[in-house]
């Protein structure tokens, strides 16, 4: 069971996380992580990381929704240590989460968590050519390719 001090309960925390957090989506779930500015540089142990879950009626009936929520809560219990102090995480279950087994759900959660925790920047992704810059081997519009 996830510790009560690690549970997100206030709707203001959910709103803040959903508005300003970094997202990573998978087939069965979406993860949104928000690290407040005062906790980015220093690890304040007074504020533990908190996790909230959103499992809507689109996932299924009450029994199915509760089962999905219990699985996600149990999976996050083992992964809470990887979050920085003071961070807020929302795990939103999609309808496909009701069809997945425990291990498949764990794989998707791990994948989404690693994606959302990756630092931002161009170095992590592919390099892009600036708009308007022509590449060496591609002819401009209206020109014939050289041979």
N, C-alpha and C. Protein backbone atom coordinates (compact mmCIF):
# COMPACT_ATOMS: atom_id res chain seq x y z
N UNK A 1 0.84 -1.18 0.00
CA UNK A 1 0.00 0.00 0.00
C UNK A 1 0.88 1.25 0.00
N UNK A 2 0.46 2.24 -0.72
CA UNK A 2 1.18 3.51 -0.78
C UNK A 2 0.97 4.26 0.53
N UNK A 3 2.04 4.77 1.09
CA UNK A 3 1.98 5.47 2.36
C UNK A 3 1.05 6.69 2.27
N UNK A 4 0.29 6.99 3.31
CA UNK A 4 -0.60 8.16 3.28
C UNK A 4 0.14 9.47 3.03
N UNK A 5 1.39 9.58 3.47
CA UNK A 5 2.14 10.82 3.24
C UNK A 5 2.56 10.97 1.78
N UNK A 6 2.47 9.90 1.00
CA UNK A 6 2.82 9.94 -0.42
C UNK A 6 1.59 10.04 -1.33
N UNK A 7 0.41 10.21 -0.75
CA UNK A 7 -0.80 10.30 -1.56
C UNK A 7 -1.17 11.76 -1.81
N UNK A 8 -1.55 12.04 -3.04
CA UNK A 8 -2.02 13.37 -3.39
C UNK A 8 -3.53 13.40 -3.18
N UNK A 9 -4.00 14.37 -2.41
CA UNK A 9 -5.43 14.42 -2.10
C UNK A 9 -6.09 15.73 -2.50
N UNK A 10 -5.35 16.82 -2.51
CA UNK A 10 -5.95 18.13 -2.79
C UNK A 10 -6.16 18.33 -4.29
N UNK A 11 -7.31 18.83 -4.66
CA UNK A 11 -7.59 19.08 -6.08
C UNK A 11 -6.68 20.16 -6.64
N UNK A 12 -6.21 21.07 -5.80
CA UNK A 12 -5.28 22.11 -6.26
C UNK A 12 -3.97 21.48 -6.71
N UNK A 13 -3.53 20.42 -6.03
CA UNK A 13 -2.30 19.72 -6.44
C UNK A 13 -2.50 19.01 -7.78
N UNK A 14 -3.66 18.40 -7.96
CA UNK A 14 -3.97 17.75 -9.24
C UNK A 14 -3.99 18.79 -10.36
N UNK A 15 -4.67 19.91 -10.12
CA UNK A 15 -4.76 20.97 -11.14
C UNK A 15 -3.39 21.51 -11.51
N UNK A 16 -2.57 21.79 -10.51
CA UNK A 16 -1.23 22.32 -10.75
C UNK A 16 -0.39 21.33 -11.56
N UNK A 17 -0.45 20.07 -11.19
CA UNK A 17 0.32 19.04 -11.88
C UNK A 17 -0.15 18.88 -13.32
N UNK A 18 -1.44 18.84 -13.53
CA UNK A 18 -1.97 18.65 -14.89
C UNK A 18 -1.70 19.86 -15.77
N UNK A 19 -1.66 21.07 -15.18
CA UNK A 19 -1.42 22.28 -15.97
C UNK A 19 0.05 22.48 -16.30
N UNK A 20 0.93 22.26 -15.32
CA UNK A 20 2.33 22.63 -15.49
C UNK A 20 3.30 21.47 -15.57
N UNK A 21 2.82 20.25 -15.45
CA UNK A 21 3.72 19.10 -15.43
C UNK A 21 4.13 18.60 -16.80
N UNK A 22 5.16 17.78 -16.82
CA UNK A 22 5.63 17.12 -18.05
C UNK A 22 4.86 15.83 -18.23
N UNK A 23 4.45 15.56 -19.47
CA UNK A 23 3.60 14.40 -19.76
C UNK A 23 4.35 13.33 -20.55
N UNK A 24 3.94 12.10 -20.30
CA UNK A 24 4.38 10.96 -21.10
C UNK A 24 3.21 10.00 -21.18
N UNK A 25 2.75 9.73 -22.39
CA UNK A 25 1.60 8.86 -22.57
C UNK A 25 1.98 7.52 -23.16
N UNK A 26 1.27 6.51 -22.77
CA UNK A 26 1.41 5.16 -23.31
C UNK A 26 0.01 4.66 -23.65
N UNK A 27 -0.10 3.44 -24.14
CA UNK A 27 -1.40 2.91 -24.55
C UNK A 27 -2.40 2.86 -23.39
N UNK A 28 -1.94 2.48 -22.22
CA UNK A 28 -2.85 2.26 -21.10
C UNK A 28 -2.86 3.37 -20.06
N UNK A 29 -1.91 4.29 -20.12
CA UNK A 29 -1.87 5.33 -19.09
C UNK A 29 -1.09 6.55 -19.55
N UNK A 30 -1.31 7.63 -18.83
CA UNK A 30 -0.57 8.87 -19.04
C UNK A 30 0.00 9.27 -17.69
N UNK A 31 1.26 9.69 -17.68
CA UNK A 31 1.92 10.10 -16.45
C UNK A 31 2.28 11.58 -16.59
N UNK A 32 1.98 12.37 -15.55
CA UNK A 32 2.29 13.80 -15.55
C UNK A 32 3.11 14.08 -14.29
N UNK A 33 4.31 14.63 -14.46
CA UNK A 33 5.22 14.92 -13.35
C UNK A 33 5.45 16.41 -13.24
N UNK A 34 5.30 16.95 -12.04
CA UNK A 34 5.60 18.35 -11.77
C UNK A 34 6.55 18.42 -10.58
N UNK A 35 7.68 19.11 -10.78
CA UNK A 35 8.64 19.32 -9.70
C UNK A 35 8.61 20.80 -9.37
N UNK A 36 8.11 21.19 -8.19
CA UNK A 36 8.07 22.61 -7.84
C UNK A 36 9.46 23.23 -7.85
N UNK A 37 9.51 24.50 -8.20
CA UNK A 37 10.79 25.20 -8.37
C UNK A 37 11.67 25.14 -7.13
N UNK A 38 11.12 25.29 -5.94
CA UNK A 38 11.95 25.31 -4.74
C UNK A 38 12.58 23.95 -4.45
N UNK A 39 12.09 22.89 -5.10
CA UNK A 39 12.63 21.55 -4.84
C UNK A 39 13.52 21.04 -5.96
N UNK A 40 13.70 21.81 -7.01
CA UNK A 40 14.48 21.31 -8.14
C UNK A 40 15.96 21.20 -7.80
N UNK A 41 16.48 22.16 -7.04
CA UNK A 41 17.91 22.17 -6.76
C UNK A 41 18.25 21.50 -5.43
N UNK A 42 17.42 21.70 -4.45
CA UNK A 42 17.71 21.13 -3.14
C UNK A 42 16.69 20.05 -2.81
N UNK A 43 17.16 19.01 -2.14
CA UNK A 43 16.25 17.92 -1.78
C UNK A 43 15.74 18.18 -0.37
N UNK A 44 14.54 18.70 -0.28
CA UNK A 44 13.91 19.00 0.99
C UNK A 44 13.15 17.75 1.44
N UNK A 45 13.66 17.10 2.45
CA UNK A 45 13.06 15.85 2.91
C UNK A 45 11.75 16.07 3.66
N UNK A 46 11.42 17.34 4.01
CA UNK A 46 10.17 17.60 4.71
C UNK A 46 8.97 17.36 3.79
N UNK A 47 9.15 17.54 2.49
CA UNK A 47 8.08 17.33 1.52
C UNK A 47 8.35 16.05 0.73
N UNK A 48 7.68 14.97 1.03
CA UNK A 48 7.89 13.73 0.27
C UNK A 48 7.22 13.84 -1.10
N UNK A 49 7.63 13.02 -2.05
CA UNK A 49 6.92 13.01 -3.33
C UNK A 49 5.50 12.49 -3.11
N UNK A 50 4.56 13.04 -3.88
CA UNK A 50 3.17 12.62 -3.74
C UNK A 50 2.63 12.17 -5.09
N UNK A 51 1.78 11.15 -5.05
CA UNK A 51 1.22 10.54 -6.25
C UNK A 51 -0.30 10.54 -6.16
N UNK A 52 -0.94 10.91 -7.28
CA UNK A 52 -2.39 10.86 -7.37
C UNK A 52 -2.80 10.03 -8.57
N UNK A 53 -3.99 9.48 -8.52
CA UNK A 53 -4.47 8.60 -9.58
C UNK A 53 -5.80 9.11 -10.11
N UNK A 54 -5.96 9.04 -11.43
CA UNK A 54 -7.22 9.38 -12.08
C UNK A 54 -7.66 8.15 -12.87
N UNK A 55 -8.78 7.58 -12.45
CA UNK A 55 -9.34 6.41 -13.14
C UNK A 55 -10.81 6.73 -13.40
N UNK A 56 -11.14 7.14 -14.62
CA UNK A 56 -12.49 7.59 -14.93
C UNK A 56 -13.41 6.42 -15.26
N UNK A 57 -14.68 6.75 -15.45
CA UNK A 57 -15.68 5.73 -15.79
C UNK A 57 -15.43 5.11 -17.16
N UNK A 58 -14.64 5.77 -17.98
CA UNK A 58 -14.31 5.21 -19.30
C UNK A 58 -13.52 3.92 -19.17
N UNK A 59 -12.83 3.75 -18.04
CA UNK A 59 -12.03 2.54 -17.81
C UNK A 59 -12.94 1.33 -17.60
N UNK A 60 -14.07 1.54 -16.93
CA UNK A 60 -14.99 0.43 -16.69
C UNK A 60 -15.87 0.72 -15.50
N UNK A 61 -16.54 -0.32 -15.04
CA UNK A 61 -17.40 -0.19 -13.87
C UNK A 61 -16.59 0.02 -12.60
N UNK A 62 -17.29 0.16 -11.49
CA UNK A 62 -16.64 0.47 -10.22
C UNK A 62 -15.61 -0.59 -9.81
N UNK A 63 -15.94 -1.84 -10.01
CA UNK A 63 -15.04 -2.92 -9.62
C UNK A 63 -13.77 -2.90 -10.47
N UNK A 64 -13.92 -2.68 -11.75
CA UNK A 64 -12.77 -2.63 -12.67
C UNK A 64 -11.91 -1.41 -12.36
N UNK A 65 -12.55 -0.26 -12.15
CA UNK A 65 -11.80 0.96 -11.84
C UNK A 65 -10.99 0.79 -10.56
N UNK A 66 -11.60 0.21 -9.55
CA UNK A 66 -10.91 0.02 -8.27
C UNK A 66 -9.74 -0.95 -8.43
N UNK A 67 -9.92 -2.00 -9.23
CA UNK A 67 -8.84 -2.96 -9.47
C UNK A 67 -7.65 -2.28 -10.15
N UNK A 68 -7.94 -1.46 -11.16
CA UNK A 68 -6.87 -0.74 -11.87
C UNK A 68 -6.17 0.22 -10.91
N UNK A 69 -6.94 0.92 -10.10
CA UNK A 69 -6.35 1.87 -9.16
C UNK A 69 -5.47 1.15 -8.13
N UNK A 70 -5.92 0.01 -7.63
CA UNK A 70 -5.11 -0.75 -6.66
C UNK A 70 -3.81 -1.22 -7.29
N UNK A 71 -3.88 -1.69 -8.54
CA UNK A 71 -2.66 -2.14 -9.23
C UNK A 71 -1.68 -0.99 -9.40
N UNK A 72 -2.18 0.15 -9.85
CA UNK A 72 -1.30 1.31 -10.04
C UNK A 72 -0.71 1.79 -8.72
N UNK A 73 -1.52 1.81 -7.67
CA UNK A 73 -1.03 2.24 -6.36
C UNK A 73 0.06 1.29 -5.86
N UNK A 74 -0.14 0.00 -6.06
CA UNK A 74 0.85 -0.99 -5.64
C UNK A 74 2.15 -0.85 -6.45
N UNK A 75 2.01 -0.62 -7.76
CA UNK A 75 3.19 -0.44 -8.61
C UNK A 75 3.96 0.82 -8.21
N UNK A 76 3.26 1.89 -7.89
CA UNK A 76 3.93 3.14 -7.53
C UNK A 76 4.61 3.05 -6.17
N UNK A 77 4.12 2.18 -5.30
CA UNK A 77 4.75 2.02 -3.99
C UNK A 77 6.22 1.63 -4.14
N UNK A 78 6.52 0.78 -5.12
CA UNK A 78 7.89 0.33 -5.33
C UNK A 78 8.72 1.36 -6.08
N UNK A 79 8.08 2.31 -6.76
CA UNK A 79 8.79 3.27 -7.60
C UNK A 79 8.84 4.67 -7.01
N UNK A 80 8.26 4.88 -5.85
CA UNK A 80 8.18 6.21 -5.25
C UNK A 80 9.57 6.75 -4.89
N UNK A 81 10.50 5.87 -4.59
CA UNK A 81 11.85 6.30 -4.22
C UNK A 81 12.59 6.95 -5.38
N UNK A 82 12.18 6.66 -6.61
CA UNK A 82 12.86 7.24 -7.77
C UNK A 82 12.44 8.69 -8.03
N UNK A 83 11.38 9.16 -7.37
CA UNK A 83 10.92 10.54 -7.56
C UNK A 83 11.66 11.48 -6.62
N UNK A 84 11.89 12.69 -7.08
CA UNK A 84 12.59 13.67 -6.24
C UNK A 84 11.65 14.18 -5.15
N UNK A 85 12.24 14.65 -4.07
CA UNK A 85 11.46 15.14 -2.94
C UNK A 85 10.61 16.33 -3.37
N UNK A 86 9.38 16.36 -2.91
CA UNK A 86 8.48 17.47 -3.22
C UNK A 86 7.80 17.39 -4.57
N UNK A 87 8.12 16.38 -5.36
CA UNK A 87 7.52 16.29 -6.69
C UNK A 87 6.09 15.76 -6.60
N UNK A 88 5.30 16.14 -7.60
CA UNK A 88 3.91 15.71 -7.69
C UNK A 88 3.75 14.89 -8.96
N UNK A 89 3.13 13.73 -8.86
CA UNK A 89 2.95 12.84 -10.00
C UNK A 89 1.49 12.43 -10.09
N UNK A 90 0.92 12.55 -11.29
CA UNK A 90 -0.45 12.08 -11.53
C UNK A 90 -0.38 10.96 -12.55
N UNK A 91 -1.00 9.83 -12.23
CA UNK A 91 -1.09 8.69 -13.14
C UNK A 91 -2.55 8.60 -13.57
N UNK A 92 -2.78 8.79 -14.85
CA UNK A 92 -4.15 8.75 -15.40
C UNK A 92 -4.32 7.47 -16.20
N UNK A 93 -5.25 6.63 -15.77
CA UNK A 93 -5.50 5.36 -16.45
C UNK A 93 -6.41 5.57 -17.65
N UNK A 94 -6.07 4.91 -18.75
CA UNK A 94 -6.90 4.93 -19.95
C UNK A 94 -7.70 3.62 -20.00
N UNK A 95 -8.72 3.55 -20.85
CA UNK A 95 -9.54 2.32 -20.90
C UNK A 95 -8.74 1.04 -21.16
N UNK A 96 -7.64 1.13 -21.88
CA UNK A 96 -6.83 -0.06 -22.16
C UNK A 96 -6.20 -0.65 -20.91
N UNK A 97 -6.08 0.14 -19.85
CA UNK A 97 -5.46 -0.35 -18.62
C UNK A 97 -6.28 -1.46 -17.97
N UNK A 98 -7.58 -1.48 -18.21
CA UNK A 98 -8.43 -2.52 -17.63
C UNK A 98 -8.17 -3.88 -18.27
N UNK A 99 -7.65 -3.88 -19.48
CA UNK A 99 -7.42 -5.12 -20.22
C UNK A 99 -6.04 -5.70 -19.98
N UNK A 100 -5.13 -4.91 -19.43
CA UNK A 100 -3.75 -5.36 -19.24
C UNK A 100 -3.57 -6.10 -17.93
N UNK A 101 -2.64 -7.03 -17.95
CA UNK A 101 -2.26 -7.72 -16.73
C UNK A 101 -1.30 -6.86 -15.92
N UNK A 102 -0.95 -7.36 -14.75
CA UNK A 102 -0.09 -6.62 -13.83
C UNK A 102 1.28 -6.31 -14.45
N UNK A 103 1.91 -7.31 -15.08
CA UNK A 103 3.25 -7.12 -15.64
C UNK A 103 3.25 -6.16 -16.82
N UNK A 104 2.24 -6.24 -17.67
CA UNK A 104 2.16 -5.33 -18.82
C UNK A 104 1.92 -3.90 -18.35
N UNK A 105 1.10 -3.73 -17.32
CA UNK A 105 0.85 -2.41 -16.76
C UNK A 105 2.13 -1.85 -16.13
N UNK A 106 2.89 -2.72 -15.47
CA UNK A 106 4.16 -2.30 -14.87
C UNK A 106 5.15 -1.85 -15.93
N UNK A 107 5.21 -2.56 -17.05
CA UNK A 107 6.11 -2.19 -18.14
C UNK A 107 5.75 -0.82 -18.70
N UNK A 108 4.46 -0.58 -18.91
CA UNK A 108 4.05 0.72 -19.45
C UNK A 108 4.29 1.84 -18.45
N UNK A 109 4.08 1.58 -17.18
CA UNK A 109 4.33 2.59 -16.15
C UNK A 109 5.81 2.93 -16.08
N UNK A 110 6.67 1.91 -16.11
CA UNK A 110 8.11 2.16 -16.09
C UNK A 110 8.56 2.97 -17.30
N UNK A 111 8.02 2.64 -18.46
CA UNK A 111 8.37 3.36 -19.68
C UNK A 111 7.95 4.82 -19.60
N UNK A 112 6.75 5.07 -19.12
CA UNK A 112 6.26 6.45 -19.01
C UNK A 112 7.04 7.23 -17.95
N UNK A 113 7.36 6.59 -16.83
CA UNK A 113 8.12 7.27 -15.79
C UNK A 113 9.52 7.64 -16.26
N UNK A 114 10.17 6.74 -16.99
CA UNK A 114 11.51 7.06 -17.48
C UNK A 114 11.45 8.17 -18.52
N UNK A 115 10.39 8.21 -19.33
CA UNK A 115 10.27 9.27 -20.34
C UNK A 115 10.02 10.63 -19.70
N UNK A 116 9.20 10.67 -18.68
CA UNK A 116 8.87 11.94 -18.05
C UNK A 116 10.02 12.44 -17.17
N UNK A 117 10.87 11.56 -16.70
CA UNK A 117 11.99 11.95 -15.85
C UNK A 117 13.21 12.38 -16.65
N UNK A 118 13.24 12.06 -17.96
CA UNK A 118 14.36 12.46 -18.80
C UNK A 118 14.50 13.96 -18.85
N UNK A 119 15.72 14.48 -18.80
CA UNK A 119 15.89 15.93 -18.88
C UNK A 119 15.49 16.45 -20.25
N UNK A 120 14.94 17.65 -20.26
CA UNK A 120 14.56 18.27 -21.53
C UNK A 120 15.80 18.75 -22.25
N UNK A 121 15.66 18.92 -23.54
CA UNK A 121 16.77 19.46 -24.32
C UNK A 121 16.85 18.80 -25.66
N UNK A 122 17.52 19.45 -26.56
CA UNK A 122 17.66 18.95 -27.93
C UNK A 122 18.60 17.76 -28.00
N UNK A 123 19.51 17.63 -27.06
CA UNK A 123 20.49 16.56 -27.15
C UNK A 123 19.85 15.18 -27.00
N UNK A 124 18.71 15.12 -26.33
CA UNK A 124 18.06 13.83 -26.13
C UNK A 124 17.34 13.35 -27.38
N UNK A 125 16.89 14.28 -28.21
CA UNK A 125 16.14 13.91 -29.40
C UNK A 125 16.99 14.01 -30.64
N UNK A 126 16.33 13.91 -31.79
CA UNK A 126 17.07 14.01 -33.04
C UNK A 126 17.34 15.47 -33.35
N UNK A 127 18.38 15.71 -34.12
CA UNK A 127 18.70 17.09 -34.47
C UNK A 127 17.77 17.54 -35.58
N UNK A 128 17.42 18.78 -35.57
CA UNK A 128 16.48 19.31 -36.55
C UNK A 128 17.17 20.35 -37.42
N UNK A 129 16.75 20.39 -38.68
CA UNK A 129 17.25 21.39 -39.61
C UNK A 129 16.38 22.63 -39.45
N UNK A 130 16.98 23.81 -39.32
CA UNK A 130 16.17 25.03 -39.17
C UNK A 130 15.28 25.24 -40.38
N UNK A 131 14.14 25.85 -40.14
CA UNK A 131 13.21 26.13 -41.23
C UNK A 131 13.86 27.01 -42.27
N UNK A 132 13.62 26.68 -43.52
CA UNK A 132 14.15 27.49 -44.61
C UNK A 132 15.55 27.10 -45.04
N UNK A 133 16.22 26.28 -44.25
CA UNK A 133 17.58 25.87 -44.62
C UNK A 133 17.48 24.67 -45.55
N UNK A 134 18.12 24.77 -46.69
CA UNK A 134 18.11 23.67 -47.66
C UNK A 134 19.20 22.68 -47.31
N UNK A 135 18.91 21.42 -47.55
CA UNK A 135 19.93 20.40 -47.33
C UNK A 135 20.76 20.25 -48.59
N UNK A 136 21.91 19.64 -48.49
CA UNK A 136 22.86 19.58 -49.60
C UNK A 136 22.35 18.78 -50.80
N UNK A 137 21.66 17.68 -50.58
CA UNK A 137 21.28 16.79 -51.68
C UNK A 137 19.85 16.97 -52.18
N UNK A 138 19.10 17.85 -51.57
CA UNK A 138 17.71 18.03 -51.96
C UNK A 138 17.59 19.28 -52.82
N UNK A 139 17.05 19.16 -54.03
CA UNK A 139 16.91 20.34 -54.89
C UNK A 139 15.82 21.27 -54.37
N UNK A 140 15.96 22.54 -54.65
CA UNK A 140 14.95 23.52 -54.26
C UNK A 140 13.69 23.31 -55.08
N UNK A 141 12.60 23.91 -54.67
CA UNK A 141 11.33 23.75 -55.37
C UNK A 141 11.45 24.25 -56.80
N UNK A 142 11.00 23.46 -57.76
CA UNK A 142 11.02 23.86 -59.16
C UNK A 142 12.31 23.50 -59.89
N UNK A 143 13.32 23.03 -59.19
CA UNK A 143 14.59 22.66 -59.83
C UNK A 143 14.61 21.18 -60.13
N UNK A 144 15.39 20.83 -61.15
CA UNK A 144 15.57 19.42 -61.47
C UNK A 144 16.74 18.88 -60.66
N UNK A 145 16.64 17.63 -60.27
CA UNK A 145 17.76 17.04 -59.53
C UNK A 145 18.99 16.91 -60.42
N UNK A 146 20.15 17.22 -59.88
CA UNK A 146 21.40 17.10 -60.65
C UNK A 146 21.86 15.65 -60.65
N UNK A 147 22.53 15.27 -61.76
CA UNK A 147 22.97 13.88 -61.85
C UNK A 147 24.43 13.76 -62.05
